[in-house]
C-alpha atoms as a PDB file:
ATOM      1  CA  MET A   1     223.402   2.838 -33.629  1.00  0.00           C
ATOM      2  CA  SER A   2     219.536   2.538 -32.905  1.00  0.00           C
ATOM      3  CA  ALA A   3     218.132  -1.277 -31.924  1.00  0.00           C
ATOM      4  CA  LEU A   4     215.282  -0.362 -34.090  1.00  0.00           C
ATOM      5  CA  PRO A   5     215.584  -1.920 -37.574  1.00  0.00           C
ATOM      6  CA  ARG A   6     216.430   0.907 -40.393  1.00  0.00           C
ATOM      7  CA  LEU A   7     214.565   2.114 -43.033  1.00  0.00           C
ATOM      8  CA  VAL A   8     216.301   4.259 -45.335  1.00  0.00           C
ATOM      9  CA  VAL A   9     214.730   6.872 -47.669  1.00  0.00           C
ATOM     10  CA  VAL A  10     216.228   7.931 -50.863  1.00  0.00           C
ATOM     11  CA  PHE A  11     214.410  11.001 -52.367  1.00  0.00           C
ATOM     12  CA  GLY A  12     214.741  13.780 -55.059  1.00  0.00           C
ATOM     13  CA  PRO A  13     213.611  15.321 -58.225  1.00  0.00           C
ATOM     14  CA  THR A  14     213.183  13.037 -61.214  1.00  0.00           C
ATOM     15  CA  ALA A  15     216.117  12.020 -63.167  1.00  0.00           C
ATOM     16  CA  SER A  16     218.364  12.698 -59.836  1.00  0.00           C
ATOM     17  CA  GLY A  17     219.701   9.087 -59.630  1.00  0.00           C
ATOM     18  CA  LYS A  18     217.313   7.929 -56.930  1.00  0.00           C
ATOM     19  CA  SER A  19     217.071   4.410 -58.277  1.00  0.00           C
ATOM     20  CA  ALA A  20     221.035   3.994 -59.054  1.00  0.00           C
ATOM     21  CA  LEU A  21     221.806   5.029 -55.278  1.00  0.00           C
ATOM     22  CA  GLY A  22     219.093   2.567 -54.212  1.00  0.00           C
ATOM     23  CA  ILE A  23     220.321  -0.220 -55.701  1.00  0.00           C
ATOM     24  CA  ASP A  24     224.192   0.480 -55.131  1.00  0.00           C
ATOM     25  CA  LEU A  25     223.419   0.651 -51.386  1.00  0.00           C
ATOM     26  CA  ALA A  26     221.071  -2.476 -51.322  1.00  0.00           C
ATOM     27  CA  GLU A  27     224.031  -4.411 -53.147  1.00  0.00           C
ATOM     28  CA  LYS A  28     226.311  -3.113 -50.316  1.00  0.00           C
ATOM     29  CA  LEU A  29     223.871  -3.460 -47.253  1.00  0.00           C
ATOM     30  CA  GLY A  30     221.907  -6.119 -48.382  1.00  0.00           C
ATOM     31  CA  GLY A  31     218.477  -4.575 -48.797  1.00  0.00           C
ATOM     32  CA  GLU A  32     215.604  -4.606 -51.040  1.00  0.00           C
ATOM     33  CA  ILE A  33     213.940  -1.725 -52.875  1.00  0.00           C
ATOM     34  CA  LEU A  34     210.652  -0.157 -52.324  1.00  0.00           C
ATOM     35  CA  VAL A  35     209.563   2.017 -55.046  1.00  0.00           C
ATOM     36  CA  CYS A  36     207.394   4.887 -54.199  1.00  0.00           C
ATOM     37  CA  ASP A  37     206.159   6.199 -57.402  1.00  0.00           C
ATOM     38  CA  SER A  38     202.675   6.703 -58.587  1.00  0.00           C
ATOM     39  CA  THR A  39     203.406   5.859 -61.843  1.00  0.00           C
ATOM     40  CA  GLN A  40     205.353   2.923 -61.702  1.00  0.00           C
ATOM     41  CA  LEU A  41     202.638   1.029 -59.604  1.00  0.00           C
ATOM     42  CA  TYR A  42     200.985   0.642 -63.216  1.00  0.00           C
ATOM     43  CA  ARG A  43     201.458  -2.597 -65.317  1.00  0.00           C
ATOM     44  CA  HIS A  44     202.606  -1.615 -69.040  1.00  0.00           C
ATOM     45  CA  PHE A  45     203.562   1.863 -68.658  1.00  0.00           C
ATOM     46  CA  ASP A  46     206.931   1.265 -68.244  1.00  0.00           C
ATOM     47  CA  ILE A  47     209.710   3.210 -70.546  1.00  0.00           C
ATOM     48  CA  GLY A  48     208.244   6.735 -69.999  1.00  0.00           C
ATOM     49  CA  THR A  49     207.714   5.915 -66.177  1.00  0.00           C
ATOM     50  CA  ALA A  50     211.401   5.078 -65.789  1.00  0.00           C
ATOM     51  CA  LYS A  51     211.097   1.724 -64.241  1.00  0.00           C
ATOM     52  CA  VAL A  52     214.310   0.026 -63.840  1.00  0.00           C
ATOM     53  CA  PRO A  53     214.709  -2.762 -66.361  1.00  0.00           C
ATOM     54  CA  ALA A  54     214.983  -6.489 -64.744  1.00  0.00           C
ATOM     55  CA  ALA A  55     218.285  -6.572 -66.478  1.00  0.00           C
ATOM     56  CA  GLU A  56     219.533  -3.114 -64.577  1.00  0.00           C
ATOM     57  CA  ARG A  57     218.464  -4.332 -61.241  1.00  0.00           C
ATOM     58  CA  HIS A  58     221.312  -6.460 -60.178  1.00  0.00           C
ATOM     59  CA  GLY A  59     219.378  -8.969 -58.823  1.00  0.00           C
ATOM     60  CA  ILE A  60     217.852  -6.749 -56.378  1.00  0.00           C
ATOM     61  CA  PRO A  61     214.460  -7.437 -55.937  1.00  0.00           C
ATOM     62  CA  HIS A  62     212.256  -4.326 -56.304  1.00  0.00           C
ATOM     63  CA  HIS A  63     208.416  -4.160 -54.739  1.00  0.00           C
ATOM     64  CA  LEU A  64     205.465  -2.186 -55.479  1.00  0.00           C
ATOM     65  CA  VAL A  65     205.974  -1.966 -59.240  1.00  0.00           C
ATOM     66  CA  ASP A  66     203.463  -3.341 -61.851  1.00  0.00           C
ATOM     67  CA  LEU A  67     200.869  -3.465 -59.146  1.00  0.00           C
ATOM     68  CA  VAL A  68     197.558  -2.473 -61.191  1.00  0.00           C
ATOM     69  CA  GLU A  69     196.097  -2.419 -64.590  1.00  0.00           C
ATOM     70  CA  PRO A  70     195.637   1.219 -66.205  1.00  0.00           C
ATOM     71  CA  SER A  71     192.086   1.260 -65.984  1.00  0.00           C
ATOM     72  CA  GLU A  72     192.335   0.782 -61.860  1.00  0.00           C
ATOM     73  CA  ILE A  73     192.396   3.709 -59.267  1.00  0.00           C
ATOM     74  CA  PHE A  74     195.200   3.333 -56.528  1.00  0.00           C
ATOM     75  CA  THR A  75     195.304   5.530 -53.846  1.00  0.00           C
ATOM     76  CA  ALA A  76     198.053   7.099 -51.128  1.00  0.00           C
ATOM     77  CA  GLY A  77     196.057   4.678 -48.860  1.00  0.00           C
ATOM     78  CA  ASP A  78     196.303   1.691 -50.649  1.00  0.00           C
ATOM     79  CA  TYR A  79     200.272   2.357 -50.847  1.00  0.00           C
ATOM     80  CA  ARG A  80     200.366   2.763 -47.528  1.00  0.00           C
ATOM     81  CA  ARG A  81     198.910  -0.500 -46.952  1.00  0.00           C
ATOM     82  CA  ARG A  82     200.941  -2.270 -49.147  1.00  0.00           C
ATOM     83  CA  ALA A  83     204.029  -0.978 -48.260  1.00  0.00           C
ATOM     84  CA  LEU A  84     203.290  -1.733 -44.777  1.00  0.00           C
ATOM     85  CA  GLU A  85     202.715  -5.401 -45.719  1.00  0.00           C
ATOM     86  CA  VAL A  86     206.298  -5.338 -47.724  1.00  0.00           C
ATOM     87  CA  LEU A  87     207.987  -3.683 -44.760  1.00  0.00           C
ATOM     88  CA  GLU A  88     206.874  -6.406 -42.340  1.00  0.00           C
ATOM     89  CA  ASP A  89     208.274  -9.235 -44.624  1.00  0.00           C
ATOM     90  CA  LEU A  90     211.383  -7.698 -45.177  1.00  0.00           C
ATOM     91  CA  CYS A  91     211.997  -7.042 -41.271  1.00  0.00           C
ATOM     92  CA  SER A  92     211.007 -10.610 -40.693  1.00  0.00           C
ATOM     93  CA  ARG A  93     213.765 -11.657 -43.085  1.00  0.00           C
ATOM     94  CA  LYS A  94     216.071  -8.909 -41.780  1.00  0.00           C
ATOM     95  CA  ALA A  95     216.401  -7.414 -45.044  1.00  0.00           C
ATOM     96  CA  LEU A  96     217.222  -3.417 -45.164  1.00  0.00           C
ATOM     97  CA  PRO A  97     214.394  -1.776 -46.654  1.00  0.00           C
ATOM     98  CA  ILE A  98     215.461   1.119 -49.070  1.00  0.00           C
ATOM     99  CA  LEU A  99     212.712   3.158 -50.293  1.00  0.00           C
ATOM    100  CA  THR A 100     213.090   4.891 -53.478  1.00  0.00           C
ATOM    101  CA  ALA A 101     210.627   7.951 -53.352  1.00  0.00           C
ATOM    102  CA  GLY A 102     209.327  10.208 -55.960  1.00  0.00           C
ATOM    103  CA  THR A 103     205.839  10.631 -54.984  1.00  0.00           C
ATOM    104  CA  GLY A 104     205.804  13.130 -52.029  1.00  0.00           C
ATOM    105  CA  LEU A 105     202.218  12.507 -51.113  1.00  0.00           C
ATOM    106  CA  TYR A 106     202.884   8.462 -50.881  1.00  0.00           C
ATOM    107  CA  LEU A 107     206.006   9.210 -48.999  1.00  0.00           C
ATOM    108  CA  ARG A 108     203.955  11.119 -46.507  1.00  0.00           C
ATOM    109  CA  ALA A 109     201.143   8.784 -46.057  1.00  0.00           C
ATOM    110  CA  LEU A 110     203.699   5.964 -45.396  1.00  0.00           C
ATOM    111  CA  LEU A 111     205.876   7.841 -42.867  1.00  0.00           C
ATOM    112  CA  GLU A 112     203.209  10.208 -41.270  1.00  0.00           C
ATOM    113  CA  GLY A 113     199.975   8.377 -41.886  1.00  0.00           C
ATOM    114  CA  LEU A 114     197.140   9.363 -43.343  1.00  0.00           C
ATOM    115  CA  ALA A 115     193.846  11.881 -42.149  1.00  0.00           C
ATOM    116  CA  ASP A 116     190.321  10.750 -41.789  1.00  0.00           C
ATOM    117  CA  ALA A 117     189.220  12.299 -44.961  1.00  0.00           C
ATOM    118  CA  PRO A 118     185.844  12.025 -46.346  1.00  0.00           C
ATOM    119  CA  GLN A 119     184.793   9.407 -48.910  1.00  0.00           C
ATOM    120  CA  ARG A 120     184.179  10.370 -52.691  1.00  0.00           C
ATOM    121  CA  SER A 121     181.112  12.503 -53.410  1.00  0.00           C
ATOM    122  CA  GLU A 122     180.158  11.016 -57.054  1.00  0.00           C
ATOM    123  CA  GLU A 123     177.801  13.600 -57.174  1.00  0.00           C
ATOM    124  CA  ILE A 124     180.669  16.297 -57.112  1.00  0.00           C
ATOM    125  CA  ARG A 125     182.749  14.322 -58.689  1.00  0.00           C
ATOM    126  CA  ALA A 126     180.780  13.836 -61.781  1.00  0.00           C
ATOM    127  CA  ARG A 127     180.048  17.613 -62.107  1.00  0.00           C
ATOM    128  CA  LEU A 128     183.540  18.451 -61.973  1.00  0.00           C
ATOM    129  CA  ARG A 129     184.290  16.142 -64.814  1.00  0.00           C
ATOM    130  CA  ARG A 130     181.636  17.359 -66.502  1.00  0.00           C
ATOM    131  CA  LYS A 131     183.264  20.945 -66.008  1.00  0.00           C
ATOM    132  CA  ALA A 132     186.759  19.551 -67.173  1.00  0.00           C
ATOM    133  CA  GLU A 133     185.246  17.804 -70.140  1.00  0.00           C
ATOM    134  CA  LYS A 134     183.591  21.273 -71.174  1.00  0.00           C
ATOM    135  CA  ARG A 135     186.292  23.792 -70.353  1.00  0.00           C
ATOM    136  CA  GLY A 136     189.294  22.049 -70.047  1.00  0.00           C
ATOM    137  CA  PRO A 137     191.551  21.080 -66.993  1.00  0.00           C
ATOM    138  CA  ALA A 138     192.927  24.200 -66.789  1.00  0.00           C
ATOM    139  CA  HIS A 139     189.946  25.519 -65.664  1.00  0.00           C
ATOM    140  CA  LEU A 140     189.566  22.995 -62.678  1.00  0.00           C
ATOM    141  CA  HIS A 141     193.008  23.755 -61.859  1.00  0.00           C
ATOM    142  CA  ARG A 142     192.180  27.530 -61.706  1.00  0.00           C
ATOM    143  CA  ALA A 143     189.172  26.924 -59.355  1.00  0.00           C
ATOM    144  CA  LEU A 144     191.683  25.019 -57.005  1.00  0.00           C
ATOM    145  CA  ALA A 145     194.250  27.960 -56.815  1.00  0.00           C
ATOM    146  CA  ARG A 146     191.482  30.168 -55.317  1.00  0.00           C
ATOM    147  CA  LEU A 147     190.062  27.211 -52.870  1.00  0.00           C
ATOM    148  CA  ASP A 148     193.547  25.677 -51.922  1.00  0.00           C
ATOM    149  CA  PRO A 149     196.456  27.727 -53.204  1.00  0.00           C
ATOM    150  CA  GLU A 150     198.829  25.044 -51.553  1.00  0.00           C
ATOM    151  CA  SER A 151     197.384  21.873 -53.501  1.00  0.00           C
ATOM    152  CA  ALA A 152     197.105  23.623 -56.912  1.00  0.00           C
ATOM    153  CA  ALA A 153     200.976  24.426 -56.362  1.00  0.00           C
ATOM    154  CA  ARG A 154     201.995  20.729 -56.167  1.00  0.00           C
ATOM    155  CA  ILE A 155     199.506  19.296 -58.425  1.00  0.00           C
ATOM    156  CA  SER A 156     199.914  19.673 -62.153  1.00  0.00           C
ATOM    157  CA  ALA A 157     197.416  21.672 -64.330  1.00  0.00           C
ATOM    158  CA  ALA A 158     196.961  18.265 -66.295  1.00  0.00           C
ATOM    159  CA  ASP A 159     196.202  16.017 -63.325  1.00  0.00           C
ATOM    160  CA  THR A 160     192.242  15.884 -63.608  1.00  0.00           C
ATOM    161  CA  GLN A 161     191.901  13.323 -61.277  1.00  0.00           C
ATOM    162  CA  LYS A 162     193.919  14.737 -58.640  1.00  0.00           C
ATOM    163  CA  ILE A 163     192.672  18.153 -59.305  1.00  0.00           C
ATOM    164  CA  ILE A 164     188.894  16.951 -58.656  1.00  0.00           C
ATOM    165  CA  ARG A 165     189.818  15.328 -55.288  1.00  0.00           C
ATOM    166  CA  ALA A 166     191.583  18.312 -53.833  1.00  0.00           C
ATOM    167  CA  ILE A 167     188.488  20.174 -54.846  1.00  0.00           C
ATOM    168  CA  GLU A 168     186.079  17.690 -53.553  1.00  0.00           C
ATOM    169  CA  LEU A 169     187.750  17.432 -49.978  1.00  0.00           C
ATOM    170  CA  ARG A 170     187.776  21.285 -50.029  1.00  0.00           C
ATOM    171  CA  LEU A 171     183.914  21.491 -50.526  1.00  0.00           C
ATOM    172  CA  LEU A 172     183.353  18.551 -48.561  1.00  0.00           C
ATOM    173  CA  THR A 173     185.163  19.435 -45.578  1.00  0.00           C
ATOM    174  CA  GLY A 174     185.541  23.364 -45.903  1.00  0.00           C
ATOM    175  CA  LYS A 175     189.434  22.887 -45.050  1.00  0.00           C
ATOM    176  CA  PRO A 176     192.472  22.737 -47.690  1.00  0.00           C
ATOM    177  CA  VAL A 177     194.018  19.635 -48.071  1.00  0.00           C
ATOM    178  CA  GLY A 178     197.139  19.922 -46.516  1.00  0.00           C
ATOM    179  CA  GLU A 179     195.211  20.858 -43.287  1.00  0.00           C
ATOM    180  CA  ILE A 180     193.276  17.720 -43.573  1.00  0.00           C
ATOM    181  CA  HIS A 181     196.560  15.651 -44.329  1.00  0.00           C
ATOM    182  CA  ARG A 182     198.214  17.150 -41.228  1.00  0.00           C
ATOM    183  CA  SER A 183     195.483  16.038 -38.562  1.00  0.00           C
ATOM    184  CA  GLY A 184     194.909  12.839 -36.991  1.00  0.00           C
ATOM    185  CA  ARG A 185     197.736  10.831 -38.637  1.00  0.00           C
ATOM    186  CA  ASP A 186     199.003   7.453 -37.517  1.00  0.00           C
ATOM    187  CA  ALA A 187     202.909   7.910 -38.137  1.00  0.00           C
ATOM    188  CA  LEU A 188     205.010   4.874 -39.232  1.00  0.00           C
ATOM    189  CA  GLN A 189     206.294   3.164 -35.679  1.00  0.00           C
ATOM    190  CA  GLY A 190     209.115   1.052 -34.870  1.00  0.00           C
ATOM    191  CA  TYR A 191     212.128   1.934 -37.317  1.00  0.00           C
ATOM    192  CA  GLU A 192     214.926   4.296 -37.688  1.00  0.00           C
ATOM    193  CA  ILE A 193     214.256   6.217 -40.183  1.00  0.00           C
ATOM    194  CA  ILE A 194     217.364   7.659 -42.391  1.00  0.00           C
ATOM    195  CA  LYS A 195     216.477  10.108 -45.074  1.00  0.00           C
ATOM    196  CA  LEU A 196     218.663  10.671 -47.734  1.00  0.00           C
ATOM    197  CA  GLY A 197     218.120  13.795 -50.160  1.00  0.00           C
ATOM    198  CA  LEU A 198     219.341  14.335 -53.547  1.00  0.00           C
ATOM    199  CA  LEU A 199     220.093  17.628 -54.417  1.00  0.00           C
ATOM    200  CA  PRO A 200     221.905  18.151 -57.777  1.00  0.00           C
ATOM    201  CA  PRO A 201     222.948  21.320 -59.458  1.00  0.00           C
ATOM    202  CA  ARG A 202     219.742  22.630 -61.349  1.00  0.00           C
ATOM    203  CA  ALA A 203     221.430  23.384 -64.576  1.00  0.00           C
ATOM    204  CA  ALA A 204     222.974  19.464 -64.540  1.00  0.00           C
ATOM    205  CA  LEU A 205     219.667  18.194 -63.742  1.00  0.00           C
ATOM    206  CA  TYR A 206     217.828  19.739 -66.231  1.00  0.00           C
ATOM    207  CA  ALA A 207     220.061  19.069 -68.946  1.00  0.00           C
ATOM    208  CA  ARG A 208     219.818  15.189 -67.493  1.00  0.00           C
ATOM    209  CA  ILE A 209     216.161  15.525 -68.088  1.00  0.00           C
ATOM    210  CA  HIS A 210     216.218  16.441 -71.470  1.00  0.00           C
ATOM    211  CA  ALA A 211     218.839  13.542 -72.403  1.00  0.00           C
ATOM    212  CA  ARG A 212     217.003  11.380 -70.712  1.00  0.00           C
ATOM    213  CA  THR A 213     213.628  12.023 -72.625  1.00  0.00           C
ATOM    214  CA  ASP A 214     215.901  12.118 -75.932  1.00  0.00           C
ATOM    215  CA  ALA A 215     216.907   8.211 -74.498  1.00  0.00           C
ATOM    216  CA  MET A 216     213.561   6.964 -73.465  1.00  0.00           C
ATOM    217  CA  LEU A 217     212.406   8.181 -77.397  1.00  0.00           C
ATOM    218  CA  LYS A 218     215.169   5.733 -78.890  1.00  0.00           C
ATOM    219  CA  ALA A 219     214.026   3.112 -76.349  1.00  0.00           C
ATOM    220  CA  GLY A 220     210.833   2.896 -78.268  1.00  0.00           C
ATOM    221  CA  TRP A 221     208.413   5.011 -75.854  1.00  0.00           C
ATOM    222  CA  LEU A 222     206.405   6.202 -78.611  1.00  0.00           C
ATOM    223  CA  ALA A 223     206.053   2.587 -79.909  1.00  0.00           C
ATOM    224  CA  GLU A 224     205.123   1.800 -76.300  1.00  0.00           C
ATOM    225  CA  VAL A 225     202.097   4.456 -76.334  1.00  0.00           C
ATOM    226  CA  ARG A 226     200.976   3.211 -79.879  1.00  0.00           C
ATOM    227  CA  ALA A 227     200.632  -0.417 -78.432  1.00  0.00           C
ATOM    228  CA  LEU A 228     198.789   1.032 -75.405  1.00  0.00           C
ATOM    229  CA  VAL A 229     196.293   2.751 -77.691  1.00  0.00           C
ATOM    230  CA  ALA A 230     195.959  -0.159 -79.970  1.00  0.00           C
ATOM    231  CA  SER A 231     195.183  -2.462 -77.098  1.00  0.00           C
ATOM    232  CA  GLY A 232     192.333  -0.595 -75.839  1.00  0.00           C
ATOM    233  CA  VAL A 233     193.546   1.370 -72.929  1.00  0.00           C
ATOM    234  CA  ARG A 234     191.079   4.310 -72.580  1.00  0.00           C
ATOM    235  CA  ALA A 235     191.957   7.579 -73.216  1.00  0.00           C
ATOM    236  CA  ASP A 236     190.806   8.966 -69.841  1.00  0.00           C
ATOM    237  CA  ALA A 237     192.638   6.054 -67.867  1.00  0.00           C
ATOM    238  CA  LYS A 238     195.181   7.572 -65.348  1.00  0.00           C
ATOM    239  CA  PRO A 239     198.448   6.461 -66.755  1.00  0.00           C
ATOM    240  CA  PHE A 240     197.633   8.439 -70.052  1.00  0.00           C
ATOM    241  CA  GLN A 241     197.451  11.659 -67.733  1.00  0.00           C
ATOM    242  CA  PHE A 242     201.320  11.217 -66.895  1.00  0.00           C
ATOM    243  CA  ILE A 243     203.849  13.279 -68.441  1.00  0.00           C
ATOM    244  CA  GLY A 244     204.827  11.921 -71.697  1.00  0.00           C
ATOM    245  CA  TYR A 245     202.183   9.611 -72.282  1.00  0.00           C
ATOM    246  CA  SER A 246     199.742  12.542 -72.951  1.00  0.00           C
ATOM    247  CA  GLN A 247     201.661  14.286 -75.188  1.00  0.00           C
ATOM    248  CA  LEU A 248     202.907  11.258 -77.217  1.00  0.00           C
ATOM    249  CA  ARG A 249     199.182  10.309 -77.395  1.00  0.00           C
ATOM    250  CA  GLU A 250     198.403  13.667 -78.971  1.00  0.00           C
ATOM    251  CA  HIS A 251     201.291  13.539 -81.316  1.00  0.00           C
ATOM    252  CA  LEU A 252     199.880  10.053 -82.420  1.00  0.00           C
ATOM    253  CA  ALA A 253     196.605  11.072 -82.854  1.00  0.00           C
ATOM    254  CA  GLY A 254     197.625  13.909 -85.124  1.00  0.00           C
ATOM    255  CA  ARG A 255     197.209  17.104 -82.812  1.00  0.00           C
ATOM    256  CA  LEU A 256     200.696  17.710 -81.868  1.00  0.00           C
ATOM    257  CA  SER A 257     204.042  17.523 -83.709  1.00  0.00           C
ATOM    258  CA  GLU A 258     206.900  15.025 -82.582  1.00  0.00           C
ATOM    259  CA  LYS A 259     208.850  18.080 -82.140  1.00  0.00           C
ATOM    260  CA  ASP A 260     206.204  20.121 -79.903  1.00  0.00           C
ATOM    261  CA  ALA A 261     205.568  16.796 -78.239  1.00  0.00           C
ATOM    262  CA  VAL A 262     209.320  16.412 -77.181  1.00  0.00           C
ATOM    263  CA  GLN A 263     209.487  20.127 -75.953  1.00  0.00           C
ATOM    264  CA  GLN A 264     206.491  19.931 -73.960  1.00  0.00           C
ATOM    265  CA  ILE A 265     207.468  16.749 -72.135  1.00  0.00           C
ATOM    266  CA  GLN A 266     210.704  18.424 -71.334  1.00  0.00           C
ATOM    267  CA  GLN A 267     209.251  21.543 -69.808  1.00  0.00           C
ATOM    268  CA  ALA A 268     206.738  19.630 -68.193  1.00  0.00           C
ATOM    269  CA  THR A 269     209.339  17.428 -66.469  1.00  0.00           C
ATOM    270  CA  ARG A 270     211.369  20.359 -65.413  1.00  0.00           C
ATOM    271  CA  HIS A 271     208.413  21.763 -63.833  1.00  0.00           C
ATOM    272  CA  PHE A 272     207.426  18.672 -62.192  1.00  0.00           C
ATOM    273  CA  ALA A 273     211.145  18.478 -60.978  1.00  0.00           C
ATOM    274  CA  LYS A 274     210.868  21.884 -58.999  1.00  0.00           C
ATOM    275  CA  ARG A 275     207.384  20.687 -57.385  1.00  0.00           C
ATOM    276  CA  GLN A 276     208.976  17.694 -56.205  1.00  0.00           C
ATOM    277  CA  LEU A 277     212.063  19.895 -54.367  1.00  0.00           C
ATOM    278  CA  THR A 278     209.700  22.208 -53.214  1.00  0.00           C
ATOM    279  CA  TRP A 279     207.697  19.141 -51.626  1.00  0.00           C
ATOM    280  CA  PHE A 280     210.780  17.193 -50.173  1.00  0.00           C
ATOM    281  CA  ARG A 281     212.302  20.586 -48.578  1.00  0.00           C
ATOM    282  CA  LYS A 282     209.765  20.265 -46.379  1.00  0.00           C
ATOM    283  CA  GLU A 283     211.025  16.764 -45.005  1.00  0.00           C
ATOM    284  CA  SER A 284     212.573  17.339 -41.850  1.00  0.00           C
ATOM    285  CA  GLY A 285     215.854  15.366 -40.581  1.00  0.00           C
ATOM    286  CA  VAL A 286     216.888  14.990 -44.095  1.00  0.00           C
ATOM    287  CA  HIS A 287     220.851  14.232 -44.830  1.00  0.00           C
ATOM    288  CA  TRP A 288     221.056  16.350 -48.060  1.00  0.00           C
ATOM    289  CA  LEU A 289     223.704  15.163 -50.904  1.00  0.00           C
ATOM    290  CA  PRO A 290     224.441  17.817 -53.434  1.00  0.00           C
ATOM    291  CA  GLY A 291     224.502  15.429 -56.553  1.00  0.00           C
ATOM    292  CA  PHE A 292     223.386  12.654 -58.394  1.00  0.00           C
ATOM    293  CA  GLY A 293     222.761   9.472 -56.966  1.00  0.00           C
ATOM    294  CA  ASP A 294     224.930   7.529 -59.844  1.00  0.00           C
ATOM    295  CA  ALA A 295     228.013   9.634 -58.805  1.00  0.00           C
ATOM    296  CA  PRO A 296     230.504   7.604 -56.722  1.00  0.00           C
ATOM    297  CA  GLU A 297     231.400  10.247 -54.250  1.00  0.00           C
ATOM    298  CA  ILE A 298     227.459  10.420 -53.620  1.00  0.00           C
ATOM    299  CA  THR A 299     227.304   6.837 -53.221  1.00  0.00           C
ATOM    300  CA  ALA A 300     230.260   6.954 -50.693  1.00  0.00           C
ATOM    301  CA  ALA A 301     228.900   9.517 -48.702  1.00  0.00           C
ATOM    302  CA  ALA A 302     225.283   7.972 -48.531  1.00  0.00           C
ATOM    303  CA  LEU A 303     226.995   4.809 -47.288  1.00  0.00           C
ATOM    304  CA  ALA A 304     228.830   6.713 -44.690  1.00  0.00           C
ATOM    305  CA  ILE A 305     225.743   8.200 -43.450  1.00  0.00           C
ATOM    306  CA  VAL A 306     223.717   4.620 -42.918  1.00  0.00           C
ATOM    307  CA  LYS A 307     226.594   3.060 -41.591  1.00  0.00           C
ATOM    308  CA  SER A 308     227.151   5.757 -38.773  1.00  0.00           C
END
């Protein structure tokens, strides 16, 4: 076993049981959770981002959740900075850090570092925002597909903010985002990194995605969205672009039936899971686990890998 402190990374598609496996490992190994999810860092957006309720955390501390208000911008660089602070603290207390990752870009930022990308161009961004308002985000996504097919394949057509940044980088540097990110990185040092990848059967995963959507709605997701709208959260706030929140907001505005909203949420989530798997399959040195993170046999296999 390496003399370096260990960092356990659990990743997989949405609804694959990352959180459950992370908590189980933390209970058995004296660990704490670092959440690597670009949606769960926003306060007040709870049910649809699948935050683990405090009562279900089994007393295990969860870091990097509820960091910013909906109106704030939070980047992969911000995530890396905050995560490094938490890792330093856990290392000083001899607690095992367990990273539960659903956002591939944030995971890559932490483990591999970030390239020296140019600063934002407000002129370019304003021009692209006007195009999105006039012709819709799908128009921008098609433009990105021509300029940078790799980025277009991993960015949702509804995620205007990421689309704009990707086009902006392409225009400013003349390079696709992937090429920028692969150059000049400062990789994480000083840890033995153990990567555990969840790979449940596709049909079972899609069934769980549908069931979880229904469970979130029964848990009050629509009421949460209604309260967020009433509290004055702007329609163009980043979290209102998240899967589910955008559709439920359209439903509340009378532009989408509840049935159609649910179907669109489920479809978008399935597509998101496919994009996550495409991203995570590019990771090296992964111990792939063929099942859900809450299955006893998967937990046992994960424990054996971490302890070896």
